[in-house]
Amino acid sequence: MDRPWGLLPSDIEELILKREWQNFTGLKARLLNDKPFPIRIGLKPPTGQLAVGDMEHFQKFIGQWRSFAAQHLIEWETRNYRVLSEQTLPKFFLNP
């Protein structure tokens, strides 16, 4: 997770483990329904300039989420980029 944008499935796994399950206060709040499920995490889709600046990561970001087995857990968004035209990007991950 060294980039400010484009969280990958492995980043989300690490983030959920750290923020939710290894965090006693957060876990207690989830179990008591003070913080409701599903857990919704922004995947930080990039601006056009950021995407063009690191096309390798941009393609990896889209590709890994497209091949993610549980597609029903991903919210997608269509964006129009000046240089890249219309792109459908993963926007949120939902963890039930």
PDB file of N, CA and C in Angstrom:
ATOM      1  N   MET A   1       0.828  -1.192   0.000  1.00  0.00           N
ATOM      2  CA  MET A   1       0.000   0.000   0.000  1.00  0.00           C
ATOM      3  C   MET A   1       0.866   1.248   0.000  1.00  0.00           C
ATOM      4  N   ASP A   2       1.843   1.303  -0.852  1.00  0.00           N
ATOM      5  CA  ASP A   2       2.720   2.456  -0.874  1.00  0.00           C
ATOM      6  C   ASP A   2       2.255   3.538  -1.835  1.00  0.00           C
ATOM      7  N   ARG A   3       1.138   3.330  -2.527  1.00  0.00           N
ATOM      8  CA  ARG A   3       0.617   4.351  -3.443  1.00  0.00           C
ATOM      9  C   ARG A   3      -0.607   5.022  -2.800  1.00  0.00           C
ATOM     10  N   PRO A   4      -0.808   6.302  -3.124  1.00  0.00           N
ATOM     11  CA  PRO A   4      -1.979   6.998  -2.574  1.00  0.00           C
ATOM     12  C   PRO A   4      -3.276   6.662  -3.323  1.00  0.00           C
ATOM     13  N   TRP A   5      -3.198   5.837  -4.362  1.00  0.00           N
ATOM     14  CA  TRP A   5      -4.384   5.486  -5.140  1.00  0.00           C
ATOM     15  C   TRP A   5      -4.274   4.036  -5.611  1.00  0.00           C
ATOM     16  N   GLY A   6      -5.409   3.477  -5.993  1.00  0.00           N
ATOM     17  CA  GLY A   6      -5.433   2.162  -6.620  1.00  0.00           C
ATOM     18  C   GLY A   6      -5.163   0.998  -5.696  1.00  0.00           C
ATOM     19  N   LEU A   7      -5.983   0.839  -4.648  1.00  0.00           N
ATOM     20  CA  LEU A   7      -5.804  -0.298  -3.751  1.00  0.00           C
ATOM     21  C   LEU A   7      -6.122  -1.603  -4.475  1.00  0.00           C
ATOM     22  N   LEU A   8      -5.271  -2.593  -4.283  1.00  0.00           N
ATOM     23  CA  LEU A   8      -5.412  -3.903  -4.905  1.00  0.00           C
ATOM     24  C   LEU A   8      -6.073  -4.869  -3.921  1.00  0.00           C
ATOM     25  N   PRO A   9      -6.551  -6.013  -4.398  1.00  0.00           N
ATOM     26  CA  PRO A   9      -7.170  -6.984  -3.475  1.00  0.00           C
ATOM     27  C   PRO A   9      -6.278  -7.345  -2.283  1.00  0.00           C
ATOM     28  N   SER A  10      -4.991  -7.509  -2.494  1.00  0.00           N
ATOM     29  CA  SER A  10      -4.087  -7.839  -1.383  1.00  0.00           C
ATOM     30  C   SER A  10      -4.004  -6.682  -0.375  1.00  0.00           C
ATOM     31  N   ASP A  11      -4.092  -5.442  -0.865  1.00  0.00           N
ATOM     32  CA  ASP A  11      -4.099  -4.275   0.023  1.00  0.00           C
ATOM     33  C   ASP A  11      -5.350  -4.275   0.895  1.00  0.00           C
ATOM     34  N   ILE A  12      -6.474  -4.622   0.287  1.00  0.00           N
ATOM     35  CA  ILE A  12      -7.751  -4.625   1.022  1.00  0.00           C
ATOM     36  C   ILE A  12      -7.741  -5.704   2.097  1.00  0.00           C
ATOM     37  N   GLU A  13      -7.209  -6.864   1.762  1.00  0.00           N
ATOM     38  CA  GLU A  13      -7.110  -7.948   2.751  1.00  0.00           C
ATOM     39  C   GLU A  13      -6.307  -7.481   3.960  1.00  0.00           C
ATOM     40  N   GLU A  14      -5.175  -6.861   3.710  1.00  0.00           N
ATOM     41  CA  GLU A  14      -4.309  -6.350   4.773  1.00  0.00           C
ATOM     42  C   GLU A  14      -5.008  -5.245   5.576  1.00  0.00           C
ATOM     43  N   LEU A  15      -5.687  -4.358   4.877  1.00  0.00           N
ATOM     44  CA  LEU A  15      -6.378  -3.233   5.511  1.00  0.00           C
ATOM     45  C   LEU A  15      -7.518  -3.704   6.418  1.00  0.00           C
ATOM     46  N   ILE A  16      -8.316  -4.643   5.937  1.00  0.00           N
ATOM     47  CA  ILE A  16      -9.433  -5.157   6.742  1.00  0.00           C
ATOM     48  C   ILE A  16      -8.913  -5.880   7.978  1.00  0.00           C
ATOM     49  N   LEU A  17      -7.886  -6.674   7.798  1.00  0.00           N
ATOM     50  CA  LEU A  17      -7.300  -7.382   8.937  1.00  0.00           C
ATOM     51  C   LEU A  17      -6.828  -6.387   9.992  1.00  0.00           C
ATOM     52  N   LYS A  18      -6.101  -5.361   9.563  1.00  0.00           N
ATOM     53  CA  LYS A  18      -5.539  -4.376  10.491  1.00  0.00           C
ATOM     54  C   LYS A  18      -6.611  -3.484  11.121  1.00  0.00           C
ATOM     55  N   ARG A  19      -7.482  -2.911  10.276  1.00  0.00           N
ATOM     56  CA  ARG A  19      -8.477  -1.931  10.757  1.00  0.00           C
ATOM     57  C   ARG A  19      -9.634  -2.551  11.518  1.00  0.00           C
ATOM     58  N   GLU A  20     -10.030  -3.743  11.100  1.00  0.00           N
ATOM     59  CA  GLU A  20     -11.250  -4.311  11.651  1.00  0.00           C
ATOM     60  C   GLU A  20     -11.024  -5.463  12.632  1.00  0.00           C
ATOM     61  N   TRP A  21     -10.291  -6.481  12.222  1.00  0.00           N
ATOM     62  CA  TRP A  21     -10.230  -7.695  13.038  1.00  0.00           C
ATOM     63  C   TRP A  21      -9.124  -7.663  14.077  1.00  0.00           C
ATOM     64  N   GLN A  22      -8.067  -6.915  13.849  1.00  0.00           N
ATOM     65  CA  GLN A  22      -7.001  -6.808  14.852  1.00  0.00           C
ATOM     66  C   GLN A  22      -7.161  -5.541  15.698  1.00  0.00           C
ATOM     67  N   ASN A  23      -8.240  -4.840  15.524  1.00  0.00           N
ATOM     68  CA  ASN A  23      -8.532  -3.608  16.255  1.00  0.00           C
ATOM     69  C   ASN A  23      -9.686  -3.914  17.208  1.00  0.00           C
ATOM     70  N   PHE A  24      -9.367  -4.123  18.485  1.00  0.00           N
ATOM     71  CA  PHE A  24     -10.379  -4.562  19.446  1.00  0.00           C
ATOM     72  C   PHE A  24     -11.567  -3.606  19.519  1.00  0.00           C
ATOM     73  N   THR A  25     -11.302  -2.314  19.552  1.00  0.00           N
ATOM     74  CA  THR A  25     -12.386  -1.336  19.653  1.00  0.00           C
ATOM     75  C   THR A  25     -13.300  -1.412  18.435  1.00  0.00           C
ATOM     76  N   GLY A  26     -12.702  -1.462  17.255  1.00  0.00           N
ATOM     77  CA  GLY A  26     -13.494  -1.560  16.028  1.00  0.00           C
ATOM     78  C   GLY A  26     -14.256  -2.866  15.931  1.00  0.00           C
ATOM     79  N   LEU A  27     -13.619  -3.959  16.314  1.00  0.00           N
ATOM     80  CA  LEU A  27     -14.276  -5.272  16.280  1.00  0.00           C
ATOM     81  C   LEU A  27     -15.462  -5.300  17.230  1.00  0.00           C
ATOM     82  N   LYS A  28     -15.280  -4.790  18.423  1.00  0.00           N
ATOM     83  CA  LYS A  28     -16.366  -4.743  19.404  1.00  0.00           C
ATOM     84  C   LYS A  28     -17.533  -3.920  18.858  1.00  0.00           C
ATOM     85  N   ALA A  29     -17.218  -2.778  18.255  1.00  0.00           N
ATOM     86  CA  ALA A  29     -18.265  -1.924  17.688  1.00  0.00           C
ATOM     87  C   ALA A  29     -19.021  -2.649  16.576  1.00  0.00           C
ATOM     88  N   ARG A  30     -18.314  -3.413  15.741  1.00  0.00           N
ATOM     89  CA  ARG A  30     -18.989  -4.184  14.683  1.00  0.00           C
ATOM     90  C   ARG A  30     -19.895  -5.256  15.287  1.00  0.00           C
ATOM     91  N   LEU A  31     -19.383  -5.963  16.268  1.00  0.00           N
ATOM     92  CA  LEU A  31     -20.164  -7.045  16.872  1.00  0.00           C
ATOM     93  C   LEU A  31     -21.379  -6.531  17.633  1.00  0.00           C
ATOM     94  N   LEU A  32     -21.293  -5.331  18.179  1.00  0.00           N
ATOM     95  CA  LEU A  32     -22.422  -4.720  18.879  1.00  0.00           C
ATOM     96  C   LEU A  32     -23.324  -3.922  17.939  1.00  0.00           C
ATOM     97  N   ASN A  33     -23.005  -3.940  16.654  1.00  0.00           N
ATOM     98  CA  ASN A  33     -23.742  -3.240  15.611  1.00  0.00           C
ATOM     99  C   ASN A  33     -23.707  -1.719  15.772  1.00  0.00           C
ATOM    100  N   ASP A  34     -22.681  -1.215  16.474  1.00  0.00           N
ATOM    101  CA  ASP A  34     -22.471   0.229  16.551  1.00  0.00           C
ATOM    102  C   ASP A  34     -21.854   0.727  15.244  1.00  0.00           C
ATOM    103  N   LYS A  35     -21.094  -0.135  14.596  1.00  0.00           N
ATOM    104  CA  LYS A  35     -20.554   0.113  13.253  1.00  0.00           C
ATOM    105  C   LYS A  35     -21.156  -0.993  12.390  1.00  0.00           C
ATOM    106  N   PRO A  36     -22.134  -0.668  11.584  1.00  0.00           N
ATOM    107  CA  PRO A  36     -22.853  -1.715  10.859  1.00  0.00           C
ATOM    108  C   PRO A  36     -22.045  -2.353   9.727  1.00  0.00           C
ATOM    109  N   PHE A  37     -22.440  -3.541   9.391  1.00  0.00           N
ATOM    110  CA  PHE A  37     -21.918  -4.235   8.213  1.00  0.00           C
ATOM    111  C   PHE A  37     -22.763  -3.820   7.030  1.00  0.00           C
ATOM    112  N   PRO A  38     -22.335  -3.907   5.811  1.00  0.00           N
ATOM    113  CA  PRO A  38     -21.026  -4.388   5.407  1.00  0.00           C
ATOM    114  C   PRO A  38     -19.955  -3.327   5.620  1.00  0.00           C
ATOM    115  N   ILE A  39     -18.741  -3.789   5.691  1.00  0.00           N
ATOM    116  CA  ILE A  39     -17.587  -2.897   5.733  1.00  0.00           C
ATOM    117  C   ILE A  39     -17.397  -2.397   4.304  1.00  0.00           C
ATOM    118  N   ARG A  40     -17.353  -1.091   4.128  1.00  0.00           N
ATOM    119  CA  ARG A  40     -17.247  -0.493   2.791  1.00  0.00           C
ATOM    120  C   ARG A  40     -15.939   0.290   2.724  1.00  0.00           C
ATOM    121  N   ILE A  41     -15.078  -0.127   1.813  1.00  0.00           N
ATOM    122  CA  ILE A  41     -13.757   0.494   1.712  1.00  0.00           C
ATOM    123  C   ILE A  41     -13.559   1.067   0.316  1.00  0.00           C
ATOM    124  N   GLY A  42     -13.199   2.339   0.268  1.00  0.00           N
ATOM    125  CA  GLY A  42     -12.901   2.986  -1.004  1.00  0.00           C
ATOM    126  C   GLY A  42     -11.611   2.439  -1.590  1.00  0.00           C
ATOM    127  N   LEU A  43     -11.634   2.138  -2.881  1.00  0.00           N
ATOM    128  CA  LEU A  43     -10.471   1.564  -3.547  1.00  0.00           C
ATOM    129  C   LEU A  43      -9.556   2.624  -4.146  1.00  0.00           C
ATOM    130  N   LYS A  44      -9.907   3.873  -3.988  1.00  0.00           N
ATOM    131  CA  LYS A  44      -9.101   5.014  -4.416  1.00  0.00           C
ATOM    132  C   LYS A  44      -8.768   4.994  -5.910  1.00  0.00           C
ATOM    133  N   PRO A  45      -9.794   4.983  -6.767  1.00  0.00           N
ATOM    134  CA  PRO A  45      -9.503   5.066  -8.198  1.00  0.00           C
ATOM    135  C   PRO A  45      -8.786   6.384  -8.501  1.00  0.00           C
ATOM    136  N   PRO A  46      -7.888   6.373  -9.467  1.00  0.00           N
ATOM    137  CA  PRO A  46      -7.053   7.551  -9.711  1.00  0.00           C
ATOM    138  C   PRO A  46      -7.724   8.620 -10.564  1.00  0.00           C
ATOM    139  N   THR A  47      -7.169   9.806 -10.482  1.00  0.00           N
ATOM    140  CA  THR A  47      -7.505  10.849 -11.446  1.00  0.00           C
ATOM    141  C   THR A  47      -6.822  10.464 -12.753  1.00  0.00           C
ATOM    142  N   GLY A  48      -7.191  11.115 -13.823  1.00  0.00           N
ATOM    143  CA  GLY A  48      -6.577  10.827 -15.112  1.00  0.00           C
ATOM    144  C   GLY A  48      -5.085  11.049 -15.116  1.00  0.00           C
ATOM    145  N   GLN A  49      -4.645  12.121 -14.492  1.00  0.00           N
ATOM    146  CA  GLN A  49      -3.217  12.448 -14.460  1.00  0.00           C
ATOM    147  C   GLN A  49      -2.431  11.373 -13.705  1.00  0.00           C
ATOM    148  N   LEU A  50      -2.961  10.897 -12.572  1.00  0.00           N
ATOM    149  CA  LEU A  50      -2.283   9.847 -11.812  1.00  0.00           C
ATOM    150  C   LEU A  50      -2.233   8.549 -12.605  1.00  0.00           C
ATOM    151  N   ALA A  51      -3.335   8.211 -13.273  1.00  0.00           N
ATOM    152  CA  ALA A  51      -3.382   6.982 -14.064  1.00  0.00           C
ATOM    153  C   ALA A  51      -2.349   7.003 -15.180  1.00  0.00           C
ATOM    154  N   VAL A  52      -2.286   8.100 -15.900  1.00  0.00           N
ATOM    155  CA  VAL A  52      -1.329   8.225 -17.008  1.00  0.00           C
ATOM    156  C   VAL A  52       0.101   8.203 -16.469  1.00  0.00           C
ATOM    157  N   GLY A  53       0.303   8.754 -15.287  1.00  0.00           N
ATOM    158  CA  GLY A  53       1.631   8.790 -14.686  1.00  0.00           C
ATOM    159  C   GLY A  53       2.162   7.422 -14.281  1.00  0.00           C
ATOM    160  N   ASP A  54       1.266   6.454 -14.087  1.00  0.00           N
ATOM    161  CA  ASP A  54       1.682   5.096 -13.716  1.00  0.00           C
ATOM    162  C   ASP A  54       0.723   4.100 -14.369  1.00  0.00           C
ATOM    163  N   MET A  55       0.833   3.987 -15.685  1.00  0.00           N
ATOM    164  CA  MET A  55      -0.065   3.117 -16.452  1.00  0.00           C
ATOM    165  C   MET A  55       0.049   1.656 -16.036  1.00  0.00           C
ATOM    166  N   GLU A  56       1.219   1.235 -15.639  1.00  0.00           N
ATOM    167  CA  GLU A  56       1.400  -0.159 -15.217  1.00  0.00           C
ATOM    168  C   GLU A  56       0.520  -0.467 -14.004  1.00  0.00           C
ATOM    169  N   HIS A  57       0.539   0.424 -13.019  1.00  0.00           N
ATOM    170  CA  HIS A  57      -0.295   0.208 -11.830  1.00  0.00           C
ATOM    171  C   HIS A  57      -1.785   0.377 -12.177  1.00  0.00           C
ATOM    172  N   PHE A  58      -2.095   1.319 -13.047  1.00  0.00           N
ATOM    173  CA  PHE A  58      -3.486   1.525 -13.466  1.00  0.00           C
ATOM    174  C   PHE A  58      -4.048   0.246 -14.090  1.00  0.00           C
ATOM    175  N   GLN A  59      -3.297  -0.366 -14.979  1.00  0.00           N
ATOM    176  CA  GLN A  59      -3.748  -1.608 -15.619  1.00  0.00           C
ATOM    177  C   GLN A  59      -3.830  -2.751 -14.615  1.00  0.00           C
ATOM    178  N   LYS A  60      -2.890  -2.808 -13.714  1.00  0.00           N
ATOM    179  CA  LYS A  60      -2.898  -3.837 -12.661  1.00  0.00           C
ATOM    180  C   LYS A  60      -4.112  -3.656 -11.759  1.00  0.00           C
ATOM    181  N   PHE A  61      -4.399  -2.416 -11.379  1.00  0.00           N
ATOM    182  CA  PHE A  61      -5.543  -2.073 -10.530  1.00  0.00           C
ATOM    183  C   PHE A  61      -6.847  -2.561 -11.163  1.00  0.00           C
ATOM    184  N   ILE A  62      -7.068  -2.207 -12.398  1.00  0.00           N
ATOM    185  CA  ILE A  62      -8.301  -2.619 -13.081  1.00  0.00           C
ATOM    186  C   ILE A  62      -8.312  -4.133 -13.307  1.00  0.00           C
ATOM    187  N   GLY A  63      -7.209  -4.682 -13.774  1.00  0.00           N
ATOM    188  CA  GLY A  63      -7.134  -6.108 -14.090  1.00  0.00           C
ATOM    189  C   GLY A  63      -7.364  -7.013 -12.893  1.00  0.00           C
ATOM    190  N   GLN A  64      -6.748  -6.690 -11.766  1.00  0.00           N
ATOM    191  CA  GLN A  64      -6.917  -7.541 -10.585  1.00  0.00           C
ATOM    192  C   GLN A  64      -8.345  -7.501 -10.067  1.00  0.00           C
ATOM    193  N   TRP A  65      -8.991  -6.344 -10.121  1.00  0.00           N
ATOM    194  CA  TRP A  65     -10.377  -6.280  -9.657  1.00  0.00           C
ATOM    195  C   TRP A  65     -11.329  -6.927 -10.665  1.00  0.00           C
ATOM    196  N   ARG A  66     -11.037  -6.844 -11.947  1.00  0.00           N
ATOM    197  CA  ARG A  66     -11.877  -7.525 -12.934  1.00  0.00           C
ATOM    198  C   ARG A  66     -11.812  -9.031 -12.777  1.00  0.00           C
ATOM    199  N   SER A  67     -10.660  -9.545 -12.382  1.00  0.00           N
ATOM    200  CA  SER A  67     -10.514 -10.990 -12.227  1.00  0.00           C
ATOM    201  C   SER A  67     -10.831 -11.464 -10.807  1.00  0.00           C
ATOM    202  N   PHE A  68     -11.196 -10.561  -9.935  1.00  0.00           N
ATOM    203  CA  PHE A  68     -11.560 -10.916  -8.565  1.00  0.00           C
ATOM    204  C   PHE A  68     -12.808 -11.798  -8.597  1.00  0.00           C
ATOM    205  N   ALA A  69     -12.766 -12.922  -7.922  1.00  0.00           N
ATOM    206  CA  ALA A  69     -13.826 -13.930  -8.017  1.00  0.00           C
ATOM    207  C   ALA A  69     -15.188 -13.423  -7.527  1.00  0.00           C
ATOM    208  N   ALA A  70     -15.217 -12.688  -6.446  1.00  0.00           N
ATOM    209  CA  ALA A  70     -16.493 -12.260  -5.848  1.00  0.00           C
ATOM    210  C   ALA A  70     -16.882 -10.871  -6.367  1.00  0.00           C
ATOM    211  N   GLN A  71     -17.282 -10.795  -7.630  1.00  0.00           N
ATOM    212  CA  GLN A  71     -17.619  -9.519  -8.259  1.00  0.00           C
ATOM    213  C   GLN A  71     -18.764  -8.787  -7.563  1.00  0.00           C
ATOM    214  N   HIS A  72     -19.630  -9.528  -6.888  1.00  0.00           N
ATOM    215  CA  HIS A  72     -20.766  -8.889  -6.196  1.00  0.00           C
ATOM    216  C   HIS A  72     -20.311  -8.022  -5.013  1.00  0.00           C
ATOM    217  N   LEU A  73     -19.047  -8.125  -4.628  1.00  0.00           N
ATOM    218  CA  LEU A  73     -18.525  -7.322  -3.523  1.00  0.00           C
ATOM    219  C   LEU A  73     -17.855  -6.027  -3.986  1.00  0.00           C
ATOM    220  N   ILE A  74     -17.874  -5.777  -5.284  1.00  0.00           N
ATOM    221  CA  ILE A  74     -17.205  -4.604  -5.835  1.00  0.00           C
ATOM    222  C   ILE A  74     -18.221  -3.661  -6.456  1.00  0.00           C
ATOM    223  N   GLU A  75     -18.118  -2.380  -6.126  1.00  0.00           N
ATOM    224  CA  GLU A  75     -18.919  -1.352  -6.782  1.00  0.00           C
ATOM    225  C   GLU A  75     -18.039  -0.705  -7.845  1.00  0.00           C
ATOM    226  N   TRP A  76     -18.559  -0.643  -9.055  1.00  0.00           N
ATOM    227  CA  TRP A  76     -17.820  -0.088 -10.188  1.00  0.00           C
ATOM    228  C   TRP A  76     -18.375   1.276 -10.541  1.00  0.00           C
ATOM    229  N   GLU A  77     -17.537   2.091 -11.174  1.00  0.00           N
ATOM    230  CA  GLU A  77     -17.924   3.436 -11.595  1.00  0.00           C
ATOM    231  C   GLU A  77     -17.308   3.706 -12.971  1.00  0.00           C
ATOM    232  N   THR A  78     -18.062   4.362 -13.816  1.00  0.00           N
ATOM    233  CA  THR A  78     -17.537   4.758 -15.124  1.00  0.00           C
ATOM    234  C   THR A  78     -17.085   6.206 -15.035  1.00  0.00           C
ATOM    235  N   ARG A  79     -15.864   6.444 -15.487  1.00  0.00           N
ATOM    236  CA  ARG A  79     -15.293   7.793 -15.494  1.00  0.00           C
ATOM    237  C   ARG A  79     -14.799   8.108 -16.900  1.00  0.00           C
ATOM    238  N   ASN A  80     -14.894   9.366 -17.249  1.00  0.00           N
ATOM    239  CA  ASN A  80     -14.350   9.837 -18.521  1.00  0.00           C
ATOM    240  C   ASN A  80     -13.049  10.567 -18.256  1.00  0.00           C
ATOM    241  N   TYR A  81     -11.981  10.020 -18.795  1.00  0.00           N
ATOM    242  CA  TYR A  81     -10.672  10.634 -18.682  1.00  0.00           C
ATOM    243  C   TYR A  81     -10.331  11.276 -20.016  1.00  0.00           C
ATOM    244  N   ARG A  82      -9.744  12.431 -19.967  1.00  0.00           N
ATOM    245  CA  ARG A  82      -9.389  13.163 -21.185  1.00  0.00           C
ATOM    246  C   ARG A  82      -8.452  12.347 -22.079  1.00  0.00           C
ATOM    247  N   VAL A  83      -7.426  11.768 -21.505  1.00  0.00           N
ATOM    248  CA  VAL A  83      -6.426  11.037 -22.281  1.00  0.00           C
ATOM    249  C   VAL A  83      -6.824   9.569 -22.496  1.00  0.00           C
ATOM    250  N   LEU A  84      -7.479   8.971 -21.519  1.00  0.00           N
ATOM    251  CA  LEU A  84      -7.782   7.534 -21.562  1.00  0.00           C
ATOM    252  C   LEU A  84      -9.201   7.219 -22.018  1.00  0.00           C
ATOM    253  N   SER A  85      -9.997   8.222 -22.293  1.00  0.00           N
ATOM    254  CA  SER A  85     -11.417   8.109 -22.644  1.00  0.00           C
ATOM    255  C   SER A  85     -12.208   7.468 -21.505  1.00  0.00           C
ATOM    256  N   GLU A  86     -13.289   6.785 -21.818  1.00  0.00           N
ATOM    257  CA  GLU A  86     -14.170   6.235 -20.786  1.00  0.00           C
ATOM    258  C   GLU A  86     -13.586   4.939 -20.213  1.00  0.00           C
ATOM    259  N   GLN A  87     -13.540   4.866 -18.891  1.00  0.00           N
ATOM    260  CA  GLN A  87     -13.004   3.696 -18.191  1.00  0.00           C
ATOM    261  C   GLN A  87     -13.978   3.300 -17.082  1.00  0.00           C
ATOM    262  N   THR A  88     -14.151   2.011 -16.910  1.00  0.00           N
ATOM    263  CA  THR A  88     -14.940   1.501 -15.795  1.00  0.00           C
ATOM    264  C   THR A  88     -13.959   1.035 -14.727  1.00  0.00           C
ATOM    265  N   LEU A  89     -14.074   1.647 -13.559  1.00  0.00           N
ATOM    266  CA  LEU A  89     -13.111   1.427 -12.479  1.00  0.00           C
ATOM    267  C   LEU A  89     -13.777   0.887 -11.233  1.00  0.00           C
ATOM    268  N   PRO A  90     -13.038   0.061 -10.468  1.00  0.00           N
ATOM    269  CA  PRO A  90     -13.553  -0.363  -9.180  1.00  0.00           C
ATOM    270  C   PRO A  90     -13.485   0.816  -8.207  1.00  0.00           C
ATOM    271  N   LYS A  91     -14.586   1.055  -7.509  1.00  0.00           N
ATOM    272  CA  LYS A  91     -14.633   2.225  -6.616  1.00  0.00           C
ATOM    273  C   LYS A  91     -14.681   1.827  -5.135  1.00  0.00           C
ATOM    274  N   PHE A  92     -15.490   0.816  -4.812  1.00  0.00           N
ATOM    275  CA  PHE A  92     -15.621   0.380  -3.422  1.00  0.00           C
ATOM    276  C   PHE A  92     -15.581  -1.135  -3.322  1.00  0.00           C
ATOM    277  N   PHE A  93     -15.076  -1.605  -2.186  1.00  0.00           N
ATOM    278  CA  PHE A  93     -15.116  -3.026  -1.848  1.00  0.00           C
ATOM    279  C   PHE A  93     -16.030  -3.163  -0.645  1.00  0.00           C
ATOM    280  N   LEU A  94     -16.952  -4.104  -0.701  1.00  0.00           N
ATOM    281  CA  LEU A  94     -17.881  -4.362   0.406  1.00  0.00           C
ATOM    282  C   LEU A  94     -17.535  -5.695   1.029  1.00  0.00           C
ATOM    283  N   ASN A  95     -17.359  -5.706   2.329  1.00  0.00           N
ATOM    284  CA  ASN A  95     -17.072  -6.939   3.040  1.00  0.00           C
ATOM    285  C   ASN A  95     -18.249  -7.230   3.963  1.00  0.00           C
ATOM    286  N   PRO A  96     -19.045  -8.225   3.599  1.00  0.00           N
ATOM    287  CA  PRO A  96     -20.251  -8.508   4.406  1.00  0.00           C
ATOM    288  C   PRO A  96     -19.954  -9.048   5.729  1.00  0.00           C
TER     289      PRO A  96
END
